[in-house]
């Protein structure tokens, strides 16, 4: 049995939950209390030395980092492939994933926010404005990228890893006050994905968003 350590509001955990749902993979969910600093505990550090979520265990083997987990699941459970068959579309999928997961996501993480407030004396509104700037930069570029490759989803008419990453990042952006009304392609894809059970069921509870 697979075991996923995560936190409900974590967009990185949200991504993995979507993949599990799309592929119909049974997985035990283990909550890690980030606000309570459980991820910093010795017990959790023994599981994942980096002290972040998500972390996937399978027996005595485990792997961290959401993108690594998602690709592992896609390779291990290939019946519902989440990377396109053509090299060009696979490259575009990975481009979108990296724009969101590598360029934008870290800027909204709780540990970055904590560092900015504790070491640079920034207040919450300043941190919000800083993140909102980079979110807008990313979404402006992404709207243009999707204009040339999207169909029902980010890349064509089949779900890919790009969609699994986009939807959680839009959740975070809205939660942090980003105006996303200027991005019709992103919103169209968001609405379509959220009409699917795998995405809707993986989303944080309304009270947690």
N, C-alpha and C. Protein backbone atom coordinates (compact mmCIF):
# COMPACT_ATOMS: atom_id res chain seq x y z
N UNK A 1 0.85 -1.20 0.00
CA UNK A 1 0.00 0.00 0.00
C UNK A 1 0.88 1.25 0.00
N UNK A 2 0.55 2.17 -0.87
CA UNK A 2 1.24 3.45 -0.89
C UNK A 2 0.79 4.30 0.29
N UNK A 3 1.70 5.15 0.74
CA UNK A 3 1.39 6.07 1.84
C UNK A 3 1.89 7.46 1.44
N UNK A 4 0.99 8.46 1.49
CA UNK A 4 1.36 9.81 1.11
C UNK A 4 1.29 10.72 2.33
N UNK A 5 2.43 11.29 2.69
CA UNK A 5 2.49 12.29 3.75
C UNK A 5 2.25 13.66 3.10
N UNK A 6 1.28 14.41 3.63
CA UNK A 6 0.99 15.68 3.02
C UNK A 6 0.21 16.59 3.95
N UNK A 7 -0.14 17.76 3.40
CA UNK A 7 -0.91 18.75 4.12
C UNK A 7 -2.01 19.23 3.20
N UNK A 8 -3.24 19.35 3.70
CA UNK A 8 -4.39 19.59 2.83
C UNK A 8 -4.23 20.84 1.98
N UNK A 9 -3.74 21.93 2.55
CA UNK A 9 -3.65 23.19 1.82
C UNK A 9 -2.40 23.28 0.95
N UNK A 10 -1.51 22.34 1.06
CA UNK A 10 -0.28 22.35 0.26
C UNK A 10 -0.60 22.12 -1.21
N UNK A 11 -0.26 23.06 -2.10
CA UNK A 11 -0.52 22.83 -3.52
C UNK A 11 0.29 21.66 -4.08
N UNK A 12 1.47 21.43 -3.52
CA UNK A 12 2.29 20.31 -3.99
C UNK A 12 1.63 18.98 -3.64
N UNK A 13 1.02 18.90 -2.45
CA UNK A 13 0.28 17.70 -2.07
C UNK A 13 -0.98 17.57 -2.92
N UNK A 14 -1.63 18.68 -3.17
CA UNK A 14 -2.83 18.73 -4.01
C UNK A 14 -2.52 18.11 -5.38
N UNK A 15 -1.38 18.45 -5.97
CA UNK A 15 -0.98 17.90 -7.27
C UNK A 15 -0.97 16.38 -7.25
N UNK A 16 -0.34 15.85 -6.22
CA UNK A 16 -0.20 14.40 -6.14
C UNK A 16 -1.56 13.74 -5.93
N UNK A 17 -2.40 14.36 -5.11
CA UNK A 17 -3.74 13.80 -4.91
C UNK A 17 -4.51 13.73 -6.23
N UNK A 18 -4.34 14.73 -7.09
CA UNK A 18 -5.00 14.71 -8.39
C UNK A 18 -4.53 13.50 -9.20
N UNK A 19 -3.23 13.28 -9.24
CA UNK A 19 -2.68 12.16 -10.01
C UNK A 19 -3.20 10.84 -9.46
N UNK A 20 -3.23 10.69 -8.15
CA UNK A 20 -3.76 9.47 -7.54
C UNK A 20 -5.21 9.25 -7.95
N UNK A 21 -5.99 10.33 -7.96
CA UNK A 21 -7.39 10.21 -8.34
C UNK A 21 -7.58 9.86 -9.80
N UNK A 22 -6.81 10.50 -10.68
CA UNK A 22 -6.93 10.23 -12.10
C UNK A 22 -6.61 8.78 -12.42
N UNK A 23 -5.64 8.23 -11.72
CA UNK A 23 -5.20 6.87 -11.99
C UNK A 23 -5.92 5.83 -11.13
N UNK A 24 -6.76 6.30 -10.21
CA UNK A 24 -7.48 5.37 -9.36
C UNK A 24 -6.59 4.56 -8.45
N UNK A 25 -5.55 5.19 -7.93
CA UNK A 25 -4.57 4.50 -7.10
C UNK A 25 -4.97 4.60 -5.63
N UNK A 26 -5.07 3.46 -4.96
CA UNK A 26 -5.35 3.45 -3.53
C UNK A 26 -4.11 3.91 -2.77
N UNK A 27 -4.29 4.83 -1.84
CA UNK A 27 -3.15 5.38 -1.13
C UNK A 27 -3.59 5.87 0.24
N UNK A 28 -2.87 5.46 1.27
CA UNK A 28 -3.14 5.96 2.62
C UNK A 28 -2.65 7.41 2.73
N UNK A 29 -3.51 8.29 3.21
CA UNK A 29 -3.16 9.70 3.37
C UNK A 29 -2.76 9.96 4.82
N UNK A 30 -1.56 10.46 5.03
CA UNK A 30 -1.07 10.77 6.37
C UNK A 30 -0.90 12.29 6.48
N UNK A 31 -1.68 12.92 7.34
CA UNK A 31 -1.63 14.38 7.48
C UNK A 31 -0.39 14.80 8.27
N UNK A 32 0.30 15.80 7.74
CA UNK A 32 1.44 16.41 8.42
C UNK A 32 1.03 17.84 8.78
N UNK A 33 1.06 18.18 10.05
CA UNK A 33 0.58 19.47 10.52
C UNK A 33 1.65 20.54 10.30
N UNK A 34 1.60 21.22 9.17
CA UNK A 34 2.59 22.26 8.89
C UNK A 34 2.47 23.46 9.83
N UNK A 35 1.25 23.98 10.08
CA UNK A 35 1.17 25.10 11.02
C UNK A 35 1.70 24.75 12.41
N UNK A 36 1.59 23.48 12.78
CA UNK A 36 2.10 23.04 14.07
C UNK A 36 3.55 22.61 14.03
N UNK A 37 4.22 22.82 12.89
CA UNK A 37 5.66 22.52 12.70
C UNK A 37 5.99 21.04 12.83
N UNK A 38 5.00 20.19 12.55
CA UNK A 38 5.27 18.75 12.61
C UNK A 38 6.34 18.35 11.60
N UNK A 39 6.40 19.05 10.47
CA UNK A 39 7.39 18.73 9.43
C UNK A 39 8.82 18.99 9.89
N UNK A 40 8.96 19.76 10.96
CA UNK A 40 10.30 20.05 11.49
C UNK A 40 10.72 19.06 12.58
N UNK A 41 9.82 18.18 12.95
CA UNK A 41 10.10 17.25 14.05
C UNK A 41 11.13 16.20 13.64
N UNK A 42 11.79 15.65 14.63
CA UNK A 42 12.77 14.58 14.37
C UNK A 42 12.10 13.38 13.72
N UNK A 43 10.89 13.07 14.18
CA UNK A 43 10.18 11.90 13.65
C UNK A 43 9.94 12.06 12.16
N UNK A 44 9.48 13.25 11.74
CA UNK A 44 9.21 13.42 10.31
C UNK A 44 10.51 13.56 9.52
N UNK A 45 11.52 14.17 10.11
CA UNK A 45 12.81 14.31 9.40
C UNK A 45 13.44 12.95 9.15
N UNK A 46 13.12 11.99 10.00
CA UNK A 46 13.62 10.63 9.75
C UNK A 46 12.94 10.03 8.51
N UNK A 47 11.72 10.44 8.27
CA UNK A 47 11.01 9.98 7.07
C UNK A 47 11.49 10.74 5.85
N UNK A 48 11.47 12.06 5.94
CA UNK A 48 11.90 12.92 4.83
C UNK A 48 12.89 13.94 5.36
N UNK A 49 14.18 13.73 5.11
CA UNK A 49 15.21 14.62 5.65
C UNK A 49 15.04 16.09 5.26
N UNK A 50 14.36 16.35 4.13
CA UNK A 50 14.16 17.74 3.72
C UNK A 50 13.10 18.45 4.55
N UNK A 51 12.26 17.67 5.20
CA UNK A 51 11.26 18.26 6.08
C UNK A 51 10.18 19.04 5.36
N UNK A 52 9.78 18.57 4.18
CA UNK A 52 8.69 19.21 3.43
C UNK A 52 7.70 18.14 3.01
N UNK A 53 6.55 18.61 2.49
CA UNK A 53 5.56 17.69 1.94
C UNK A 53 5.37 18.03 0.47
N UNK A 54 4.94 17.01 -0.30
CA UNK A 54 4.54 15.65 0.07
C UNK A 54 5.74 14.71 0.08
N UNK A 55 5.48 13.53 0.63
CA UNK A 55 6.46 12.45 0.60
C UNK A 55 5.70 11.15 0.40
N UNK A 56 6.15 10.33 -0.53
CA UNK A 56 5.48 9.07 -0.86
C UNK A 56 6.31 7.90 -0.38
N UNK A 57 5.66 6.98 0.34
CA UNK A 57 6.30 5.75 0.79
C UNK A 57 5.63 4.56 0.12
N UNK A 58 6.45 3.59 -0.23
CA UNK A 58 5.95 2.31 -0.74
C UNK A 58 6.81 1.23 -0.10
N UNK A 59 6.28 0.63 0.95
CA UNK A 59 7.09 -0.32 1.71
C UNK A 59 8.23 0.41 2.40
N UNK A 60 9.44 -0.08 2.18
CA UNK A 60 10.61 0.54 2.79
C UNK A 60 11.25 1.60 1.90
N UNK A 61 10.67 1.82 0.75
CA UNK A 61 11.20 2.80 -0.21
C UNK A 61 10.35 4.07 -0.18
N UNK A 62 10.97 5.20 -0.42
CA UNK A 62 10.22 6.43 -0.45
C UNK A 62 10.87 7.48 -1.32
N UNK A 63 10.08 8.50 -1.69
CA UNK A 63 10.60 9.57 -2.53
C UNK A 63 9.86 10.86 -2.20
N UNK A 64 10.60 11.97 -2.19
CA UNK A 64 10.02 13.27 -1.96
C UNK A 64 9.96 14.08 -3.25
N UNK A 65 9.49 15.31 -3.12
CA UNK A 65 9.32 16.25 -4.22
C UNK A 65 8.15 15.83 -5.13
N UNK A 66 7.16 16.71 -5.21
CA UNK A 66 5.92 16.35 -5.90
C UNK A 66 6.12 15.95 -7.36
N UNK A 67 6.99 16.66 -8.08
CA UNK A 67 7.17 16.32 -9.49
C UNK A 67 7.78 14.94 -9.66
N UNK A 68 8.73 14.60 -8.80
CA UNK A 68 9.33 13.26 -8.84
C UNK A 68 8.27 12.20 -8.51
N UNK A 69 7.44 12.50 -7.53
CA UNK A 69 6.37 11.56 -7.15
C UNK A 69 5.40 11.37 -8.30
N UNK A 70 5.00 12.46 -8.94
CA UNK A 70 4.02 12.39 -10.02
C UNK A 70 4.55 11.58 -11.20
N UNK A 71 5.81 11.81 -11.57
CA UNK A 71 6.38 11.06 -12.69
C UNK A 71 6.57 9.60 -12.31
N UNK A 72 6.91 9.32 -11.05
CA UNK A 72 7.03 7.93 -10.61
C UNK A 72 5.68 7.22 -10.73
N UNK A 73 4.62 7.88 -10.28
CA UNK A 73 3.29 7.28 -10.38
C UNK A 73 2.88 7.08 -11.83
N UNK A 74 3.25 8.03 -12.69
CA UNK A 74 2.88 7.92 -14.10
C UNK A 74 3.61 6.76 -14.77
N UNK A 75 4.84 6.53 -14.37
CA UNK A 75 5.61 5.43 -14.95
C UNK A 75 5.20 4.08 -14.36
N UNK A 76 4.81 4.08 -13.08
CA UNK A 76 4.47 2.84 -12.40
C UNK A 76 3.05 2.39 -12.70
N UNK A 77 2.17 3.36 -12.95
CA UNK A 77 0.78 3.07 -13.27
C UNK A 77 0.46 3.71 -14.63
N UNK A 78 0.91 3.09 -15.71
CA UNK A 78 0.87 3.72 -17.04
C UNK A 78 -0.48 3.67 -17.74
N UNK A 79 -1.49 3.08 -17.12
CA UNK A 79 -2.76 2.89 -17.82
C UNK A 79 -3.44 4.21 -18.16
N UNK A 80 -3.17 5.25 -17.39
CA UNK A 80 -3.75 6.59 -17.66
C UNK A 80 -2.58 7.55 -17.81
N UNK A 81 -1.91 7.58 -18.96
CA UNK A 81 -0.67 8.37 -19.11
C UNK A 81 -0.91 9.86 -18.98
N UNK A 82 -0.02 10.53 -18.27
CA UNK A 82 -0.15 11.96 -18.03
C UNK A 82 0.94 12.77 -18.73
N UNK A 83 1.69 12.10 -19.58
CA UNK A 83 2.62 12.80 -20.47
C UNK A 83 2.23 12.42 -21.90
N UNK A 84 2.13 13.40 -22.80
CA UNK A 84 1.72 13.10 -24.18
C UNK A 84 2.69 12.17 -24.88
N UNK A 85 2.24 11.59 -25.98
CA UNK A 85 3.06 10.62 -26.71
C UNK A 85 4.13 11.29 -27.57
N UNK A 86 3.89 12.49 -28.05
CA UNK A 86 4.87 13.13 -28.93
C UNK A 86 5.92 13.88 -28.11
N UNK A 87 7.18 13.88 -28.57
CA UNK A 87 8.23 14.61 -27.84
C UNK A 87 7.93 16.09 -27.71
N UNK A 88 7.33 16.67 -28.75
CA UNK A 88 7.03 18.10 -28.71
C UNK A 88 6.01 18.44 -27.62
N UNK A 89 4.96 17.63 -27.53
CA UNK A 89 3.94 17.89 -26.52
C UNK A 89 4.44 17.55 -25.12
N UNK A 90 5.30 16.54 -25.00
CA UNK A 90 5.90 16.25 -23.69
C UNK A 90 6.76 17.42 -23.23
N UNK A 91 7.51 18.01 -24.17
CA UNK A 91 8.36 19.16 -23.83
C UNK A 91 7.51 20.34 -23.38
N UNK A 92 6.40 20.60 -24.08
CA UNK A 92 5.52 21.70 -23.70
C UNK A 92 4.89 21.44 -22.33
N UNK A 93 4.51 20.20 -22.08
CA UNK A 93 3.96 19.86 -20.78
C UNK A 93 4.96 20.16 -19.68
N UNK A 94 6.19 19.75 -19.87
CA UNK A 94 7.23 19.98 -18.86
C UNK A 94 7.55 21.47 -18.73
N UNK A 95 7.48 22.22 -19.83
CA UNK A 95 7.69 23.66 -19.75
C UNK A 95 6.65 24.29 -18.82
N UNK A 96 5.39 23.95 -19.02
CA UNK A 96 4.31 24.51 -18.20
C UNK A 96 4.49 24.10 -16.74
N UNK A 97 4.79 22.83 -16.53
CA UNK A 97 5.03 22.33 -15.17
C UNK A 97 6.13 23.12 -14.49
N UNK A 98 7.23 23.36 -15.20
CA UNK A 98 8.36 24.06 -14.60
C UNK A 98 8.06 25.54 -14.36
N UNK A 99 7.32 26.16 -15.26
CA UNK A 99 6.93 27.56 -15.04
C UNK A 99 6.18 27.72 -13.73
N UNK A 100 5.31 26.77 -13.44
CA UNK A 100 4.47 26.85 -12.26
C UNK A 100 5.15 26.30 -11.01
N UNK A 101 5.70 25.11 -11.13
CA UNK A 101 6.22 24.42 -9.94
C UNK A 101 7.60 24.91 -9.52
N UNK A 102 8.40 25.35 -10.49
CA UNK A 102 9.77 25.76 -10.18
C UNK A 102 9.91 27.28 -10.06
N UNK A 103 9.26 28.03 -10.96
CA UNK A 103 9.41 29.48 -10.95
C UNK A 103 8.45 30.17 -9.98
N UNK A 104 7.20 29.72 -9.92
CA UNK A 104 6.20 30.42 -9.11
C UNK A 104 5.97 29.81 -7.74
N UNK A 105 5.75 28.51 -7.68
CA UNK A 105 5.33 27.87 -6.43
C UNK A 105 6.22 28.20 -5.22
N UNK A 106 7.56 28.16 -5.34
CA UNK A 106 8.37 28.41 -4.15
C UNK A 106 8.14 29.79 -3.54
N UNK A 107 7.73 30.76 -4.35
CA UNK A 107 7.56 32.12 -3.86
C UNK A 107 6.35 32.26 -2.94
N UNK A 108 5.45 31.28 -2.97
CA UNK A 108 4.26 31.33 -2.11
C UNK A 108 4.36 30.35 -0.96
N UNK A 109 5.46 29.66 -0.82
CA UNK A 109 5.56 28.64 0.22
C UNK A 109 5.65 29.29 1.60
N UNK A 110 5.16 28.57 2.59
CA UNK A 110 5.12 29.09 3.95
C UNK A 110 6.52 29.36 4.49
N UNK A 111 7.48 28.54 4.15
CA UNK A 111 8.84 28.74 4.69
C UNK A 111 9.48 29.99 4.11
N UNK A 112 9.18 30.31 2.83
CA UNK A 112 9.70 31.55 2.25
C UNK A 112 9.02 32.75 2.91
N UNK A 113 7.71 32.66 3.09
CA UNK A 113 6.98 33.74 3.74
C UNK A 113 7.51 33.99 5.15
N UNK A 114 7.76 32.91 5.89
CA UNK A 114 8.27 33.04 7.26
C UNK A 114 9.65 33.69 7.26
N UNK A 115 10.50 33.31 6.32
CA UNK A 115 11.84 33.88 6.25
C UNK A 115 11.78 35.38 5.95
N UNK A 116 10.91 35.76 5.03
CA UNK A 116 10.78 37.18 4.68
C UNK A 116 10.30 38.01 5.86
N UNK A 117 9.35 37.46 6.61
CA UNK A 117 8.83 38.23 7.75
C UNK A 117 9.80 38.26 8.92
N UNK A 118 10.51 37.18 9.16
CA UNK A 118 11.39 37.11 10.32
C UNK A 118 12.75 37.75 10.10
N UNK A 119 13.28 37.65 8.88
CA UNK A 119 14.64 38.12 8.63
C UNK A 119 14.71 39.45 7.89
N UNK A 120 13.64 39.83 7.20
CA UNK A 120 13.64 41.09 6.47
C UNK A 120 12.55 42.04 6.94
N UNK A 121 11.86 41.63 8.02
CA UNK A 121 10.84 42.47 8.66
C UNK A 121 9.73 42.91 7.71
N UNK A 122 9.44 42.09 6.71
CA UNK A 122 8.33 42.39 5.83
C UNK A 122 7.01 42.02 6.52
N UNK A 123 6.00 42.82 6.30
CA UNK A 123 4.69 42.53 6.84
C UNK A 123 3.90 41.71 5.82
N UNK A 124 2.82 41.10 6.30
CA UNK A 124 2.03 40.24 5.43
C UNK A 124 1.59 40.93 4.14
N UNK A 125 1.10 42.18 4.18
CA UNK A 125 0.71 42.83 2.92
C UNK A 125 1.87 42.98 1.94
N UNK A 126 3.06 43.21 2.45
CA UNK A 126 4.23 43.32 1.58
C UNK A 126 4.57 41.97 0.95
N UNK A 127 4.47 40.92 1.73
CA UNK A 127 4.73 39.58 1.20
C UNK A 127 3.68 39.22 0.15
N UNK A 128 2.43 39.59 0.41
CA UNK A 128 1.37 39.32 -0.55
C UNK A 128 1.63 40.05 -1.86
N UNK A 129 2.01 41.32 -1.77
CA UNK A 129 2.28 42.11 -2.98
C UNK A 129 3.45 41.53 -3.76
N UNK A 130 4.46 41.05 -3.04
CA UNK A 130 5.64 40.46 -3.68
C UNK A 130 5.25 39.21 -4.45
N UNK A 131 4.46 38.33 -3.81
CA UNK A 131 4.01 37.11 -4.49
C UNK A 131 3.09 37.45 -5.66
N UNK A 132 2.15 38.38 -5.45
CA UNK A 132 1.21 38.72 -6.51
C UNK A 132 1.92 39.21 -7.77
N UNK A 133 3.00 39.95 -7.59
CA UNK A 133 3.78 40.42 -8.75
C UNK A 133 4.28 39.25 -9.57
N UNK A 134 4.89 38.27 -8.90
CA UNK A 134 5.48 37.14 -9.64
C UNK A 134 4.41 36.21 -10.20
N UNK A 135 3.28 36.11 -9.51
CA UNK A 135 2.17 35.32 -10.05
C UNK A 135 1.66 35.93 -11.35
N UNK A 136 1.50 37.25 -11.35
CA UNK A 136 1.03 37.91 -12.57
C UNK A 136 2.03 37.73 -13.70
N UNK A 137 3.31 37.85 -13.40
CA UNK A 137 4.34 37.65 -14.43
C UNK A 137 4.23 36.25 -15.04
N UNK A 138 4.07 35.26 -14.19
CA UNK A 138 3.97 33.88 -14.67
C UNK A 138 2.69 33.67 -15.47
N UNK A 139 1.58 34.16 -14.98
CA UNK A 139 0.30 33.93 -15.65
C UNK A 139 0.21 34.66 -16.99
N UNK A 140 0.81 35.84 -17.08
CA UNK A 140 0.83 36.56 -18.36
C UNK A 140 1.54 35.71 -19.42
N UNK A 141 2.70 35.19 -19.05
CA UNK A 141 3.47 34.37 -19.99
C UNK A 141 2.75 33.06 -20.29
N UNK A 142 2.17 32.45 -19.25
CA UNK A 142 1.52 31.16 -19.43
C UNK A 142 0.28 31.28 -20.31
N UNK A 143 -0.46 32.37 -20.18
CA UNK A 143 -1.64 32.58 -21.03
C UNK A 143 -1.22 32.57 -22.50
N UNK A 144 -0.07 33.16 -22.81
CA UNK A 144 0.42 33.19 -24.19
C UNK A 144 0.87 31.80 -24.64
N UNK A 145 1.55 31.07 -23.76
CA UNK A 145 2.00 29.72 -24.10
C UNK A 145 0.79 28.83 -24.39
N UNK A 146 -0.21 28.90 -23.53
CA UNK A 146 -1.39 28.06 -23.70
C UNK A 146 -2.19 28.43 -24.95
N UNK A 147 -2.04 29.66 -25.40
CA UNK A 147 -2.74 30.06 -26.60
C UNK A 147 -2.36 29.26 -27.83
N UNK A 148 -1.17 28.66 -27.80
CA UNK A 148 -0.69 27.91 -28.96
C UNK A 148 -0.77 26.40 -28.78
N UNK A 149 -1.07 25.92 -27.58
CA UNK A 149 -1.03 24.46 -27.38
C UNK A 149 -2.23 23.90 -26.66
N UNK A 150 -3.10 24.73 -26.09
CA UNK A 150 -4.19 24.19 -25.29
C UNK A 150 -5.37 23.75 -26.14
N UNK A 151 -6.12 22.79 -25.58
CA UNK A 151 -7.40 22.38 -26.12
C UNK A 151 -8.36 22.42 -24.96
N UNK A 152 -8.94 21.28 -24.61
CA UNK A 152 -9.73 21.22 -23.40
C UNK A 152 -8.85 21.40 -22.16
N UNK A 153 -7.58 20.99 -22.31
CA UNK A 153 -6.62 21.06 -21.21
C UNK A 153 -5.41 21.87 -21.64
N UNK A 154 -4.39 21.91 -20.82
CA UNK A 154 -3.22 22.75 -21.11
C UNK A 154 -2.54 22.37 -22.42
N UNK A 155 -2.40 21.08 -22.66
CA UNK A 155 -1.75 20.61 -23.89
C UNK A 155 -2.73 19.66 -24.58
N UNK A 156 -3.48 20.20 -25.52
CA UNK A 156 -4.43 19.37 -26.26
C UNK A 156 -5.68 19.04 -25.48
N UNK A 157 -6.27 17.91 -25.81
CA UNK A 157 -7.57 17.53 -25.26
C UNK A 157 -7.51 16.39 -24.25
N UNK A 158 -6.32 16.10 -23.75
CA UNK A 158 -6.16 15.07 -22.72
C UNK A 158 -5.47 15.68 -21.50
N UNK A 159 -5.83 15.19 -20.33
CA UNK A 159 -5.19 15.66 -19.10
C UNK A 159 -3.71 15.31 -19.12
N UNK A 160 -2.88 16.25 -18.70
CA UNK A 160 -1.45 15.98 -18.54
C UNK A 160 -1.00 16.46 -17.16
N UNK A 161 0.26 16.24 -16.86
CA UNK A 161 0.82 16.73 -15.60
C UNK A 161 0.71 18.24 -15.50
N UNK A 162 0.69 18.93 -16.64
CA UNK A 162 0.56 20.39 -16.62
C UNK A 162 -0.73 20.82 -15.94
N UNK A 163 -1.82 20.13 -16.22
CA UNK A 163 -3.10 20.46 -15.59
C UNK A 163 -3.07 20.16 -14.09
N UNK A 164 -2.39 19.08 -13.74
CA UNK A 164 -2.30 18.69 -12.33
C UNK A 164 -1.54 19.71 -11.51
N UNK A 165 -0.67 20.47 -12.16
CA UNK A 165 0.09 21.52 -11.47
C UNK A 165 -0.63 22.87 -11.55
N UNK A 166 -1.25 23.16 -12.70
CA UNK A 166 -1.91 24.45 -12.87
C UNK A 166 -3.03 24.67 -11.86
N UNK A 167 -3.90 23.68 -11.68
CA UNK A 167 -5.08 23.89 -10.85
C UNK A 167 -4.71 24.25 -9.41
N UNK A 168 -3.80 23.56 -8.75
CA UNK A 168 -3.41 23.97 -7.40
C UNK A 168 -2.79 25.37 -7.35
N UNK A 169 -2.02 25.73 -8.37
CA UNK A 169 -1.40 27.06 -8.35
C UNK A 169 -2.44 28.17 -8.50
N UNK A 170 -3.49 27.92 -9.27
CA UNK A 170 -4.56 28.90 -9.37
C UNK A 170 -5.32 29.01 -8.04
N UNK A 171 -5.48 27.88 -7.35
CA UNK A 171 -6.08 27.91 -6.02
C UNK A 171 -5.28 28.83 -5.11
N UNK A 172 -3.96 28.66 -5.10
CA UNK A 172 -3.10 29.46 -4.23
C UNK A 172 -3.15 30.93 -4.63
N UNK A 173 -3.12 31.19 -5.93
CA UNK A 173 -3.15 32.57 -6.41
C UNK A 173 -4.42 33.28 -5.93
N UNK A 174 -5.55 32.62 -6.08
CA UNK A 174 -6.80 33.22 -5.63
C UNK A 174 -6.80 33.42 -4.12
N UNK A 175 -6.27 32.45 -3.41
CA UNK A 175 -6.21 32.55 -1.94
C UNK A 175 -5.34 33.73 -1.50
N UNK A 176 -4.37 34.09 -2.32
CA UNK A 176 -3.45 35.17 -2.00
C UNK A 176 -3.80 36.48 -2.72
N UNK A 177 -5.03 36.57 -3.18
CA UNK A 177 -5.51 37.83 -3.69
C UNK A 177 -5.09 38.22 -5.08
N UNK A 178 -4.63 37.25 -5.88
CA UNK A 178 -4.22 37.55 -7.25
C UNK A 178 -5.46 37.66 -8.13
N UNK A 179 -5.53 38.74 -8.92
CA UNK A 179 -6.63 38.92 -9.87
C UNK A 179 -6.35 38.07 -11.10
N UNK A 180 -7.11 37.00 -11.27
CA UNK A 180 -6.87 36.08 -12.39
C UNK A 180 -7.90 36.26 -13.51
N UNK A 181 -8.68 37.31 -13.42
CA UNK A 181 -9.74 37.50 -14.41
C UNK A 181 -9.21 37.85 -15.80
N UNK A 182 -7.92 38.22 -15.87
CA UNK A 182 -7.34 38.60 -17.16
C UNK A 182 -6.81 37.40 -17.95
N UNK A 183 -7.03 36.19 -17.44
CA UNK A 183 -6.44 35.01 -18.05
C UNK A 183 -7.54 34.02 -18.43
N UNK A 184 -8.26 34.30 -19.52
CA UNK A 184 -9.41 33.46 -19.88
C UNK A 184 -9.06 32.02 -20.18
N UNK A 185 -7.89 31.77 -20.76
CA UNK A 185 -7.52 30.39 -21.07
C UNK A 185 -7.26 29.60 -19.80
N UNK A 186 -6.55 30.22 -18.86
CA UNK A 186 -6.30 29.56 -17.58
C UNK A 186 -7.61 29.26 -16.86
N UNK A 187 -8.52 30.22 -16.86
CA UNK A 187 -9.79 30.03 -16.16
C UNK A 187 -10.66 28.99 -16.85
N UNK A 188 -10.63 28.96 -18.16
CA UNK A 188 -11.41 27.95 -18.89
C UNK A 188 -10.92 26.55 -18.54
N UNK A 189 -9.60 26.36 -18.54
CA UNK A 189 -9.02 25.06 -18.20
C UNK A 189 -9.32 24.71 -16.74
N UNK A 190 -9.22 25.71 -15.87
CA UNK A 190 -9.52 25.48 -14.46
C UNK A 190 -10.94 24.96 -14.28
N UNK A 191 -11.90 25.65 -14.90
CA UNK A 191 -13.30 25.26 -14.76
C UNK A 191 -13.55 23.85 -15.32
N UNK A 192 -12.91 23.55 -16.44
CA UNK A 192 -13.11 22.23 -17.03
C UNK A 192 -12.51 21.14 -16.15
N UNK A 193 -11.31 21.38 -15.65
CA UNK A 193 -10.67 20.38 -14.78
C UNK A 193 -11.49 20.16 -13.52
N UNK A 194 -12.01 21.24 -12.94
CA UNK A 194 -12.74 21.11 -11.68
C UNK A 194 -14.10 20.47 -11.87
N UNK A 195 -14.51 20.26 -13.11
CA UNK A 195 -15.74 19.51 -13.36
C UNK A 195 -15.49 18.01 -13.32
N UNK A 196 -14.22 17.61 -13.22
CA UNK A 196 -13.84 16.20 -13.16
C UNK A 196 -13.65 15.78 -11.70
N UNK A 197 -14.11 14.58 -11.38
CA UNK A 197 -14.07 14.12 -9.99
C UNK A 197 -12.65 14.09 -9.42
N UNK A 198 -11.67 13.68 -10.23
CA UNK A 198 -10.31 13.55 -9.71
C UNK A 198 -9.76 14.88 -9.22
N UNK A 199 -10.11 15.96 -9.89
CA UNK A 199 -9.65 17.29 -9.48
C UNK A 199 -10.48 17.81 -8.31
N UNK A 200 -11.80 17.72 -8.44
CA UNK A 200 -12.67 18.24 -7.38
C UNK A 200 -12.47 17.51 -6.06
N UNK A 201 -12.31 16.19 -6.12
CA UNK A 201 -12.14 15.41 -4.90
C UNK A 201 -10.79 15.65 -4.24
N UNK A 202 -9.80 16.06 -5.04
CA UNK A 202 -8.46 16.29 -4.50
C UNK A 202 -8.30 17.66 -3.88
N UNK A 203 -9.23 18.57 -4.17
CA UNK A 203 -9.10 19.95 -3.71
C UNK A 203 -9.22 20.04 -2.20
N UNK A 204 -8.57 21.04 -1.60
CA UNK A 204 -8.74 21.25 -0.16
C UNK A 204 -10.20 21.53 0.17
N UNK A 205 -10.61 21.18 1.38
CA UNK A 205 -11.95 21.50 1.82
C UNK A 205 -12.14 23.01 1.77
N UNK A 206 -13.37 23.45 1.53
CA UNK A 206 -13.63 24.89 1.38
C UNK A 206 -13.08 25.68 2.55
N UNK A 207 -13.22 25.15 3.74
CA UNK A 207 -12.76 25.86 4.93
C UNK A 207 -11.25 25.94 5.00
N UNK A 208 -10.55 25.10 4.21
CA UNK A 208 -9.08 25.08 4.28
C UNK A 208 -8.46 25.91 3.18
N UNK A 209 -9.26 26.35 2.18
CA UNK A 209 -8.69 27.08 1.05
C UNK A 209 -8.35 28.49 1.45
